[in-house]
């Protein structure tokens, strides 16, 4: 029943063991073998069944507690959590026939929202950024000071495209470890993942072309498509499993697709992750049709299970997937260090990077590379995943407790944003405006689709510390939602 992943164990033995244990119990809960209120095996019982240590079993139960699946009762053991019915209700996937249409979300609307949420003094639950207290600030500052002192010329001079060779080697090594065949020469360093995606879209498309995307998806990706004059075909994005390969197949048959752009490892905003078998099928479908896939994998390393999500690129035998990522969500949003990996298009991407912004800032590249060399990044990721899982679970509970009946909350499997479906009578834009007046920044759902769906959805950032101010803010949001009913 409990199987260990030997490939993963070679990298992180204890991590692989507790994850395997947790996933085994999670499956038993999902299929109904263990029901709400049931007592799960004791620590000693599970240790005897699996052959793992008490420490490993305790880590597995702690992980399930973070996910909100089990609860500890003093002197009684662990029990499947008896969650209210609302927790089991997920936001509904909006299905519609794919249509060829330009983005209807105007730049003015996005600018208006960003202007509002950027006002000083707001409790920030809108931007998908990690709070400084969750980042290794002291270590990064120390590295920055040492680099400027030790390497002033390299730190403060141009570092031309494709970027710092040592950093490109490190990125290629990390991707190779999760099944992506990569070498340093395949990598171009960019100013964050958005620049990488922008470079790919500009290279692969022309105004009037059609881009295949999921819905909901990150609104900045829609803005890039609109800026490039592209039409968008949207595929329904299930809040658990992501897009359906059959929908990809139908879209290819019905439309002349120039490129696809997917965020399927802990999608922003739903937190969903596409199963590996589905990823393989999607890549096969797109490769057969000679359609390039731009993969935004910015959240891939922060899955709550502790196992790195497999990129689309790992299944790409034709070298048509352009893999984009960044350290903005895991290490520091302000450093703005991202990348795009593609052997087929490396030279053209490097040239376009040079003509777009000449070079990515030198000091941030050196800081990230030095931090990776210290070995601190893996320790930081383990702690960050745990903190984010705890925060997402706690904020989810508060939303379901404080918001009106009929509210549904996604169950992210990674990342740190929370997708919330409100009762249909609630206008999320009006709630956004009233929240800002109360000193709280949220993100209205209308931004996350090309045709302005999700009028009664909002997205909250959970990469924040739990404080009395946050607890009160969630209570206030619940009252605002109730008032709008």
Protein backbone atom coordinates (compact mmCIF):
# COMPACT_ATOMS: atom_id res chain seq x y z
CA UNK A 1 0.00 0.00 0.00
CA UNK A 2 2.79 2.37 0.90
CA UNK A 3 5.44 2.68 -1.78
CA UNK A 4 8.56 4.77 -1.76
CA UNK A 5 9.94 6.59 -4.79
CA UNK A 6 13.53 5.39 -5.05
CA UNK A 7 14.46 8.09 -7.58
CA UNK A 8 13.33 10.79 -5.18
CA UNK A 9 14.82 9.05 -2.14
CA UNK A 10 18.26 9.28 -3.68
CA UNK A 11 17.90 13.04 -3.49
CA UNK A 12 15.95 13.38 -0.23
CA UNK A 13 15.38 9.99 1.46
CA UNK A 14 13.34 11.12 4.46
CA UNK A 15 11.36 13.58 2.36
CA UNK A 16 10.39 10.89 -0.14
CA UNK A 17 9.33 8.50 2.63
CA UNK A 18 7.03 10.83 4.49
CA UNK A 19 5.52 12.09 1.22
CA UNK A 20 4.82 8.50 0.11
CA UNK A 21 3.14 7.76 3.44
CA UNK A 22 1.06 10.94 3.29
CA UNK A 23 -0.02 10.28 -0.29
CA UNK A 24 -1.09 6.73 0.58
CA UNK A 25 -3.35 7.96 3.37
CA UNK A 26 -4.58 10.85 1.21
CA UNK A 27 -5.71 8.32 -1.43
CA UNK A 28 -7.55 6.23 1.20
CA UNK A 29 -9.36 9.37 2.36
CA UNK A 30 -10.19 10.47 -1.20
CA UNK A 31 -11.77 7.13 -2.16
CA UNK A 32 -13.79 6.96 1.06
CA UNK A 33 -11.91 4.07 2.67
CA UNK A 34 -11.25 6.45 5.57
CA UNK A 35 -14.23 8.69 6.30
CA UNK A 36 -14.55 11.97 8.23
CA UNK A 37 -14.22 11.20 11.92
CA UNK A 38 -12.44 7.85 11.43
CA UNK A 39 -9.32 7.21 13.45
CA UNK A 40 -6.28 6.63 11.26
CA UNK A 41 -3.54 4.15 12.22
CA UNK A 42 -1.47 5.20 15.21
CA UNK A 43 2.09 6.34 14.69
CA UNK A 44 3.40 2.95 15.87
CA UNK A 45 0.88 1.01 13.75
CA UNK A 46 1.71 2.94 10.58
CA UNK A 47 5.41 2.61 11.31
CA UNK A 48 5.05 -1.17 11.61
CA UNK A 49 2.96 -1.39 8.42
CA UNK A 50 5.32 0.73 6.34
CA UNK A 51 8.66 -0.13 7.90
CA UNK A 52 9.48 3.54 8.40
CA UNK A 53 10.61 5.32 11.55
CA UNK A 54 8.39 7.13 14.05
CA UNK A 55 9.94 10.43 12.92
CA UNK A 56 8.98 9.79 9.29
CA UNK A 57 5.43 8.81 10.23
CA UNK A 58 5.03 11.93 12.38
CA UNK A 59 6.21 14.09 9.46
CA UNK A 60 3.59 12.44 7.24
CA UNK A 61 0.82 13.19 9.73
CA UNK A 62 2.05 16.76 10.22
CA UNK A 63 1.92 17.20 6.44
CA UNK A 64 -1.66 15.89 6.30
CA UNK A 65 -2.56 18.28 9.11
CA UNK A 66 -1.20 21.19 7.06
CA UNK A 67 -3.40 20.10 4.17
CA UNK A 68 -6.41 20.07 6.49
CA UNK A 69 -7.07 16.33 5.98
CA UNK A 70 -6.44 15.00 9.49
CA UNK A 71 -6.47 16.44 12.99
CA UNK A 72 -4.66 15.48 16.18
CA UNK A 73 -6.67 14.82 19.33
CA UNK A 74 -4.75 14.83 22.63
CA UNK A 75 -4.17 11.28 23.99
CA UNK A 76 -6.40 9.85 21.25
CA UNK A 77 -4.30 9.98 18.07
CA UNK A 78 -5.04 11.26 14.57
CA UNK A 79 -8.47 11.36 12.93
CA UNK A 80 -9.78 12.18 9.48
CA UNK A 81 -10.97 15.72 9.77
CA UNK A 82 -14.76 16.10 9.89
CA UNK A 83 -14.85 19.12 7.58
CA UNK A 84 -18.07 21.01 6.83
CA UNK A 85 -19.79 20.33 3.49
CA UNK A 86 -18.70 23.71 2.14
CA UNK A 87 -15.07 22.57 2.20
CA UNK A 88 -15.89 19.75 -0.19
CA UNK A 89 -17.46 22.12 -2.70
CA UNK A 90 -14.98 23.35 -5.28
CA UNK A 91 -15.36 26.40 -7.53
CA UNK A 92 -17.14 25.33 -10.69
CA UNK A 93 -15.25 24.99 -13.95
CA UNK A 94 -16.92 27.22 -16.55
CA UNK A 95 -17.38 25.22 -19.75
CA UNK A 96 -18.12 26.84 -23.07
CA UNK A 97 -17.33 26.19 -26.69
CA UNK A 98 -13.93 27.70 -27.51
CA UNK A 99 -14.39 30.90 -29.50
CA UNK A 100 -11.95 32.93 -31.51
CA UNK A 101 -12.03 36.36 -29.96
CA UNK A 102 -9.68 39.11 -28.89
CA UNK A 103 -9.16 39.69 -25.18
CA UNK A 104 -11.95 41.81 -23.79
CA UNK A 105 -10.11 42.77 -20.63
CA UNK A 106 -8.96 46.29 -21.33
CA UNK A 107 -5.61 47.58 -20.20
CA UNK A 108 -7.51 50.39 -18.48
CA UNK A 109 -9.33 47.94 -16.22
CA UNK A 110 -6.14 46.16 -15.20
CA UNK A 111 -4.35 49.48 -14.65
CA UNK A 112 -7.23 50.72 -12.53
CA UNK A 113 -7.12 47.61 -10.34
CA UNK A 114 -3.33 47.76 -10.01
CA UNK A 115 -3.43 51.46 -9.13
CA UNK A 116 -5.94 50.73 -6.38
CA UNK A 117 -4.17 47.75 -4.82
CA UNK A 118 -0.79 49.54 -4.95
CA UNK A 119 -1.96 52.32 -2.65
CA UNK A 120 0.17 52.53 0.52
CA UNK A 121 -1.32 51.28 3.76
CA UNK A 122 -3.49 48.48 2.33
CA UNK A 123 -3.31 44.98 3.79
CA UNK A 124 -1.97 43.23 0.71
CA UNK A 125 -3.94 40.14 -0.32
CA UNK A 126 -3.94 40.97 -4.03
CA UNK A 127 -0.41 40.66 -5.44
CA UNK A 128 0.88 37.09 -5.80
CA UNK A 129 4.11 37.81 -3.95
CA UNK A 130 5.73 36.19 -0.95
CA UNK A 131 6.00 38.25 2.25
CA UNK A 132 9.61 39.19 3.17
CA UNK A 133 9.42 37.24 6.43
CA UNK A 134 9.09 34.03 4.39
CA UNK A 135 12.21 34.78 2.35
CA UNK A 136 15.91 34.28 3.35
CA UNK A 137 16.44 38.04 3.56
CA UNK A 138 19.45 38.01 5.89
CA UNK A 139 21.34 35.45 3.80
CA UNK A 140 20.65 37.31 0.53
CA UNK A 141 21.74 40.63 2.05
CA UNK A 142 24.96 39.09 3.34
CA UNK A 143 25.72 37.58 -0.08
CA UNK A 144 25.01 40.91 -1.81
CA UNK A 145 27.40 42.82 0.46
CA UNK A 146 30.16 40.25 -0.04
CA UNK A 147 29.77 40.19 -3.82
CA UNK A 148 29.99 43.96 -4.17
CA UNK A 149 33.12 43.91 -2.03
CA UNK A 150 34.74 40.89 -3.70
CA UNK A 151 33.64 41.37 -7.33
CA UNK A 152 32.78 45.06 -7.82
CA UNK A 153 33.39 45.10 -11.57
CA UNK A 154 31.35 41.98 -12.35
CA UNK A 155 28.57 42.93 -9.91
CA UNK A 156 28.06 46.40 -11.38
CA UNK A 157 28.75 45.86 -15.07
CA UNK A 158 26.66 44.55 -17.98
CA UNK A 159 26.22 40.78 -18.09
CA UNK A 160 25.14 40.28 -21.68
CA UNK A 161 22.59 37.74 -22.90
CA UNK A 162 22.32 34.78 -22.44
CA UNK A 163 23.44 35.59 -18.88
CA UNK A 164 25.75 34.29 -16.15
CA UNK A 165 27.10 30.91 -17.27
CA UNK A 166 27.34 29.47 -13.74
CA UNK A 167 23.69 30.34 -13.06
CA UNK A 168 22.61 28.80 -16.37
CA UNK A 169 24.46 25.62 -15.40
CA UNK A 170 22.66 25.54 -12.05
CA UNK A 171 19.24 26.06 -13.62
CA UNK A 172 19.93 23.34 -16.20
CA UNK A 173 21.05 21.00 -13.41
CA UNK A 174 17.88 21.57 -11.39
CA UNK A 175 15.70 20.92 -14.43
CA UNK A 176 17.69 17.80 -15.36
CA UNK A 177 16.96 16.45 -11.87
CA UNK A 178 13.21 16.50 -12.62
CA UNK A 179 13.43 14.82 -16.01
CA UNK A 180 14.16 17.72 -18.36
CA UNK A 181 17.19 17.15 -20.60
CA UNK A 182 18.96 20.50 -20.28
CA UNK A 183 22.40 22.06 -20.53
CA UNK A 184 23.56 25.60 -19.82
CA UNK A 185 23.61 26.54 -23.50
CA UNK A 186 19.83 25.95 -23.67
CA UNK A 187 19.11 28.62 -21.04
CA UNK A 188 18.63 32.38 -21.50
CA UNK A 189 18.45 34.46 -18.31
CA UNK A 190 15.61 37.00 -18.32
CA UNK A 191 14.20 39.72 -16.10
CA UNK A 192 11.63 37.48 -14.45
CA UNK A 193 9.38 34.86 -16.06
CA UNK A 194 7.11 37.46 -17.66
CA UNK A 195 9.91 38.75 -19.87
CA UNK A 196 10.71 35.15 -20.84
CA UNK A 197 7.08 34.53 -21.83
CA UNK A 198 6.89 37.85 -23.68
CA UNK A 199 10.02 36.98 -25.69
CA UNK A 200 8.55 33.58 -26.61
CA UNK A 201 5.19 34.99 -27.73
CA UNK A 202 6.79 37.72 -29.83
CA UNK A 203 9.08 35.18 -31.48
CA UNK A 204 6.36 32.58 -32.23
CA UNK A 205 3.37 34.73 -33.23
CA UNK A 206 2.26 37.67 -35.33
CA UNK A 207 -0.68 40.05 -34.76
CA UNK A 208 -3.93 38.27 -35.60
CA UNK A 209 -2.60 34.81 -34.68
CA UNK A 210 -4.42 32.59 -32.20
CA UNK A 211 -3.03 31.60 -28.80
CA UNK A 212 -4.36 28.60 -26.83
CA UNK A 213 -4.69 29.27 -23.07
CA UNK A 214 -6.53 27.96 -20.00
CA UNK A 215 -9.31 29.79 -18.17
CA UNK A 216 -8.95 31.05 -15.52
CA UNK A 217 -5.34 32.06 -15.93
CA UNK A 218 -2.98 34.78 -14.75
CA UNK A 219 -4.19 38.14 -16.05
CA UNK A 220 -0.72 39.40 -17.02
CA UNK A 221 -0.49 36.58 -19.56
CA UNK A 222 -3.76 37.78 -21.09
CA UNK A 223 -2.37 41.30 -21.22
CA UNK A 224 0.72 40.12 -23.10
CA UNK A 225 -1.53 38.35 -25.61
CA UNK A 226 -3.62 41.48 -26.06
CA UNK A 227 -0.54 43.70 -26.41
CA UNK A 228 0.75 41.40 -29.17
CA UNK A 229 -2.58 41.62 -31.02
CA UNK A 230 -3.44 37.94 -30.57
CA UNK A 231 -6.76 36.17 -30.46
CA UNK A 232 -7.31 33.79 -27.54
CA UNK A 233 -8.99 30.38 -27.40
CA UNK A 234 -9.66 29.49 -23.76
CA UNK A 235 -9.90 25.94 -22.38
CA UNK A 236 -11.76 25.14 -19.15
CA UNK A 237 -9.29 24.87 -16.26
CA UNK A 238 -10.50 22.39 -13.63
CA UNK A 239 -9.57 23.53 -10.09
CA UNK A 240 -8.01 20.14 -9.32
CA UNK A 241 -6.74 18.55 -12.55
CA UNK A 242 -6.27 21.54 -14.84
CA UNK A 243 -7.15 21.35 -18.52
CA UNK A 244 -8.45 18.24 -20.28
CA UNK A 245 -6.36 16.80 -23.14
CA UNK A 246 -9.59 16.16 -25.05
CA UNK A 247 -10.30 19.91 -25.01
CA UNK A 248 -6.82 20.51 -26.41
CA UNK A 249 -7.50 17.98 -29.18
CA UNK A 250 -10.81 19.64 -30.11
CA UNK A 251 -9.27 23.12 -30.10
CA UNK A 252 -6.52 21.99 -32.47
CA UNK A 253 -9.12 20.49 -34.81
CA UNK A 254 -11.37 23.58 -34.82
CA UNK A 255 -8.87 26.41 -34.87
CA UNK A 256 -5.60 27.38 -36.47
CA UNK A 257 -3.45 27.62 -33.34
CA UNK A 258 -0.07 29.36 -33.58
CA UNK A 259 1.11 28.59 -30.04
CA UNK A 260 -0.13 27.41 -26.63
CA UNK A 261 0.57 29.05 -23.26
CA UNK A 262 -0.23 26.96 -20.17
CA UNK A 263 0.34 27.29 -16.41
CA UNK A 264 -0.43 23.76 -15.24
CA UNK A 265 1.88 23.25 -12.25
CA UNK A 266 -0.08 24.88 -9.39
CA UNK A 267 -1.95 27.18 -11.70
CA UNK A 268 -2.49 30.82 -10.82
CA UNK A 269 -5.27 31.33 -9.72
CA UNK A 270 -6.71 27.83 -9.07
CA UNK A 271 -3.67 26.01 -7.60
CA UNK A 272 -4.45 22.98 -9.79
CA UNK A 273 -1.84 20.61 -11.17
CA UNK A 274 -2.25 18.52 -14.31
CA UNK A 275 -1.45 14.79 -13.86
CA UNK A 276 1.72 13.62 -15.58
CA UNK A 277 -0.14 11.30 -17.96
CA UNK A 278 -2.27 14.22 -19.15
CA UNK A 279 0.83 16.39 -19.59
CA UNK A 280 2.41 13.72 -21.74
CA UNK A 281 -0.74 13.51 -23.87
CA UNK A 282 -0.99 17.28 -24.31
CA UNK A 283 2.65 17.56 -25.39
CA UNK A 284 2.15 14.70 -27.84
CA UNK A 285 -0.96 16.36 -29.33
CA UNK A 286 0.76 19.72 -29.74
CA UNK A 287 3.96 18.22 -31.15
CA UNK A 288 1.99 16.19 -33.69
CA UNK A 289 0.33 19.41 -34.86
CA UNK A 290 3.70 21.24 -34.77
CA UNK A 291 2.32 23.78 -32.29
CA UNK A 292 4.91 25.17 -29.84
CA UNK A 293 4.00 25.23 -26.14
CA UNK A 294 5.15 28.04 -23.85
CA UNK A 295 5.24 26.60 -20.34
CA UNK A 296 4.96 28.97 -17.37
CA UNK A 297 6.38 26.81 -14.56
CA UNK A 298 6.95 29.54 -12.01
CA UNK A 299 5.25 27.64 -9.14
CA UNK A 300 6.59 24.17 -9.99
CA UNK A 301 8.95 23.92 -7.01
CA UNK A 302 6.44 24.83 -4.30
CA UNK A 303 4.05 21.88 -4.25
CA UNK A 304 2.79 21.00 -0.79
CA UNK A 305 3.67 17.31 -1.18
CA UNK A 306 7.36 18.19 -1.20
CA UNK A 307 7.87 16.59 -4.61
CA UNK A 308 8.78 18.87 -7.51
CA UNK A 309 5.97 18.93 -10.09
CA UNK A 310 7.00 17.49 -13.46
CA UNK A 311 7.28 20.13 -16.20
CA UNK A 312 5.69 19.68 -19.63
CA UNK A 313 9.24 19.94 -20.95
CA UNK A 314 10.08 16.52 -19.45
CA UNK A 315 7.75 14.89 -22.02
CA UNK A 316 8.95 16.93 -25.02
CA UNK A 317 10.71 14.69 -27.54
CA UNK A 318 10.53 17.20 -30.41
CA UNK A 319 11.97 20.22 -28.55
CA UNK A 320 8.84 22.33 -29.13
CA UNK A 321 8.19 23.22 -25.47
CA UNK A 322 9.73 26.49 -24.30
CA UNK A 323 10.12 26.23 -20.53
CA UNK A 324 9.87 29.51 -18.59
CA UNK A 325 10.53 29.94 -14.88
CA UNK A 326 11.87 32.26 -12.24
CA UNK A 327 13.06 32.60 -8.65
CA UNK A 328 10.49 35.33 -7.98
CA UNK A 329 8.03 33.08 -6.11
CA UNK A 330 10.59 30.99 -4.23
CA UNK A 331 13.49 33.30 -3.41
CA UNK A 332 12.78 36.99 -4.03
CA UNK A 333 10.36 38.84 -6.32
CA UNK A 334 12.59 41.91 -6.30
CA UNK A 335 15.66 40.19 -7.73
CA UNK A 336 13.75 39.60 -11.01
CA UNK A 337 15.79 36.58 -12.12
CA UNK A 338 13.99 34.32 -14.59
CA UNK A 339 14.82 32.13 -17.58
CA UNK A 340 13.61 30.46 -20.73
CA UNK A 341 14.94 27.06 -21.79
CA UNK A 342 14.81 25.95 -25.43
CA UNK A 343 17.51 24.26 -27.49
CA UNK A 344 15.64 24.84 -30.77
CA UNK A 345 15.17 28.60 -30.23
CA UNK A 346 18.11 29.46 -27.98
CA UNK A 347 19.98 31.72 -30.38
CA UNK A 348 16.88 33.67 -31.45
CA UNK A 349 15.73 34.11 -27.84
CA UNK A 350 19.16 35.34 -26.81
CA UNK A 351 19.15 37.85 -29.67
CA UNK A 352 15.66 39.08 -28.81
CA UNK A 353 16.60 39.40 -25.15
CA UNK A 354 19.52 41.62 -26.17
CA UNK A 355 17.41 43.87 -28.40
CA UNK A 356 14.63 44.09 -25.79
CA UNK A 357 16.54 44.91 -22.60
CA UNK A 358 20.21 44.32 -23.41
CA UNK A 359 20.92 42.34 -20.25
CA UNK A 360 19.45 41.09 -16.99
CA UNK A 361 20.88 42.90 -13.96
CA UNK A 362 24.25 41.41 -12.98
CA UNK A 363 24.14 41.57 -9.19
CA UNK A 364 20.87 39.62 -8.83
CA UNK A 365 22.23 36.83 -11.06
CA UNK A 366 25.37 36.61 -8.94
CA UNK A 367 23.35 36.64 -5.70
CA UNK A 368 21.08 33.79 -6.82
CA UNK A 369 24.00 31.73 -8.11
CA UNK A 370 25.97 32.16 -4.88
CA UNK A 371 22.91 31.28 -2.78
CA UNK A 372 22.35 28.10 -4.80
CA UNK A 373 25.99 27.17 -4.22
CA UNK A 374 25.61 27.39 -0.44
CA UNK A 375 23.03 24.60 -0.38
CA UNK A 376 20.62 26.82 1.52
CA UNK A 377 18.03 26.85 -1.25
CA UNK A 378 16.77 23.30 -0.64
CA UNK A 379 16.43 23.92 3.10
CA UNK A 380 14.60 27.16 2.35
CA UNK A 381 12.23 25.40 -0.09
CA UNK A 382 11.31 22.72 2.46
CA UNK A 383 10.47 25.36 5.05
CA UNK A 384 8.65 27.56 2.51
CA UNK A 385 6.44 24.71 1.28
CA UNK A 386 5.44 23.91 4.84
CA UNK A 387 4.68 27.54 5.69
CA UNK A 388 2.64 28.04 2.51
CA UNK A 389 0.61 24.85 3.04
CA UNK A 390 -0.19 25.96 6.58
CA UNK A 391 -1.13 29.46 5.47
CA UNK A 392 -3.35 28.28 2.60
CA UNK A 393 -5.16 25.85 4.91
CA UNK A 394 -5.68 28.45 7.62
CA UNK A 395 -6.96 31.16 5.27
CA UNK A 396 -9.23 28.63 3.52
CA UNK A 397 -10.77 27.72 6.86
CA UNK A 398 -11.29 31.38 7.74
CA UNK A 399 -12.97 32.12 4.39
CA UNK A 400 -15.38 29.20 4.77
CA UNK A 401 -16.12 30.28 8.34
CA UNK A 402 -16.57 34.02 7.71
CA UNK A 403 -18.00 34.22 4.16
CA UNK A 404 -21.66 33.66 3.25
CA UNK A 405 -23.14 30.20 2.73
CA UNK A 406 -22.64 29.19 -0.90
CA UNK A 407 -18.98 30.26 -0.98
CA UNK A 408 -16.65 27.66 -2.54
CA UNK A 409 -12.88 27.53 -2.12
CA UNK A 410 -10.31 25.79 -4.32
CA UNK A 411 -7.94 23.31 -2.67
CA UNK A 412 -4.54 24.31 -4.02
CA UNK A 413 -1.96 21.54 -4.18
CA UNK A 414 0.87 24.06 -4.31
CA UNK A 415 1.68 27.72 -4.87
CA UNK A 416 0.10 30.26 -2.56
CA UNK A 417 -3.00 31.82 -4.12
CA UNK A 418 -6.58 30.93 -3.22
CA UNK A 419 -9.39 30.95 -5.81
CA UNK A 420 -12.80 31.67 -4.29
CA UNK A 421 -16.22 31.41 -5.90
CA UNK A 422 -18.79 33.62 -4.18
CA UNK A 423 -22.57 33.27 -4.43
CA UNK A 424 -23.61 34.37 -7.92
CA UNK A 425 -25.44 37.48 -6.67
CA UNK A 426 -22.18 39.03 -5.48
CA UNK A 427 -20.34 41.43 -7.81
CA UNK A 428 -16.64 40.82 -7.13
CA UNK A 429 -15.63 44.19 -8.62
CA UNK A 430 -17.90 45.98 -6.16
CA UNK A 431 -16.49 43.87 -3.36
CA UNK A 432 -12.99 44.79 -4.54
CA UNK A 433 -13.85 48.51 -4.35
CA UNK A 434 -15.42 48.25 -0.91
CA UNK A 435 -12.52 46.17 0.39
CA UNK A 436 -10.04 48.84 -0.73
CA UNK A 437 -12.09 51.44 1.16
CA UNK A 438 -11.69 49.24 4.24
CA UNK A 439 -7.91 49.05 3.73
CA UNK A 440 -7.80 45.56 2.17
CA UNK A 441 -6.45 44.72 -1.31
CA UNK A 442 -7.98 41.72 -3.10
CA UNK A 443 -7.99 40.60 -6.73
CA UNK A 444 -11.33 40.45 -8.62
CA UNK A 445 -11.98 37.34 -10.73
CA UNK A 446 -12.98 39.23 -13.87
CA UNK A 447 -9.27 39.78 -14.61
CA UNK A 448 -8.57 36.07 -15.08
CA UNK A 449 -10.37 35.41 -18.36
CA UNK A 450 -10.18 36.92 -21.84
CA UNK A 451 -13.94 37.34 -22.05
CA UNK A 452 -14.48 38.71 -18.56
CA UNK A 453 -15.97 35.64 -16.86
CA UNK A 454 -15.72 35.07 -13.11
CA UNK A 455 -17.77 38.11 -12.06
CA UNK A 456 -18.39 36.47 -8.67
CA UNK A 457 -14.88 35.17 -8.01
CA UNK A 458 -11.90 36.63 -6.14
CA UNK A 459 -8.30 35.57 -5.63
CA UNK A 460 -6.43 35.99 -2.34
CA UNK A 461 -2.68 35.83 -1.75
CA UNK A 462 -1.84 33.44 1.09
CA UNK A 463 1.94 33.96 1.22
CA UNK A 464 1.54 36.13 4.31
CA UNK A 465 1.96 35.64 8.05
CA UNK A 466 -1.10 34.98 10.17
CA UNK A 467 -1.68 38.04 12.35
CA UNK A 468 -4.65 39.56 14.21
CA UNK A 469 -4.84 42.14 11.40
CA UNK A 470 -5.15 39.38 8.78
CA UNK A 471 -7.79 37.55 10.82
CA UNK A 472 -9.79 40.78 11.14
CA UNK A 473 -9.39 41.50 7.41
CA UNK A 474 -10.88 38.11 6.49
CA UNK A 475 -13.74 38.76 8.88
CA UNK A 476 -14.32 42.14 7.23
CA UNK A 477 -14.28 40.57 3.76
CA UNK A 478 -16.90 38.09 4.89
CA UNK A 479 -19.13 40.91 6.10
CA UNK A 480 -18.68 42.79 2.82
CA UNK A 481 -19.65 39.68 0.85
CA UNK A 482 -22.72 39.17 3.04
CA UNK A 483 -23.74 42.80 2.57
CA UNK A 484 -23.53 42.42 -1.22
CA UNK A 485 -26.00 39.53 -1.12
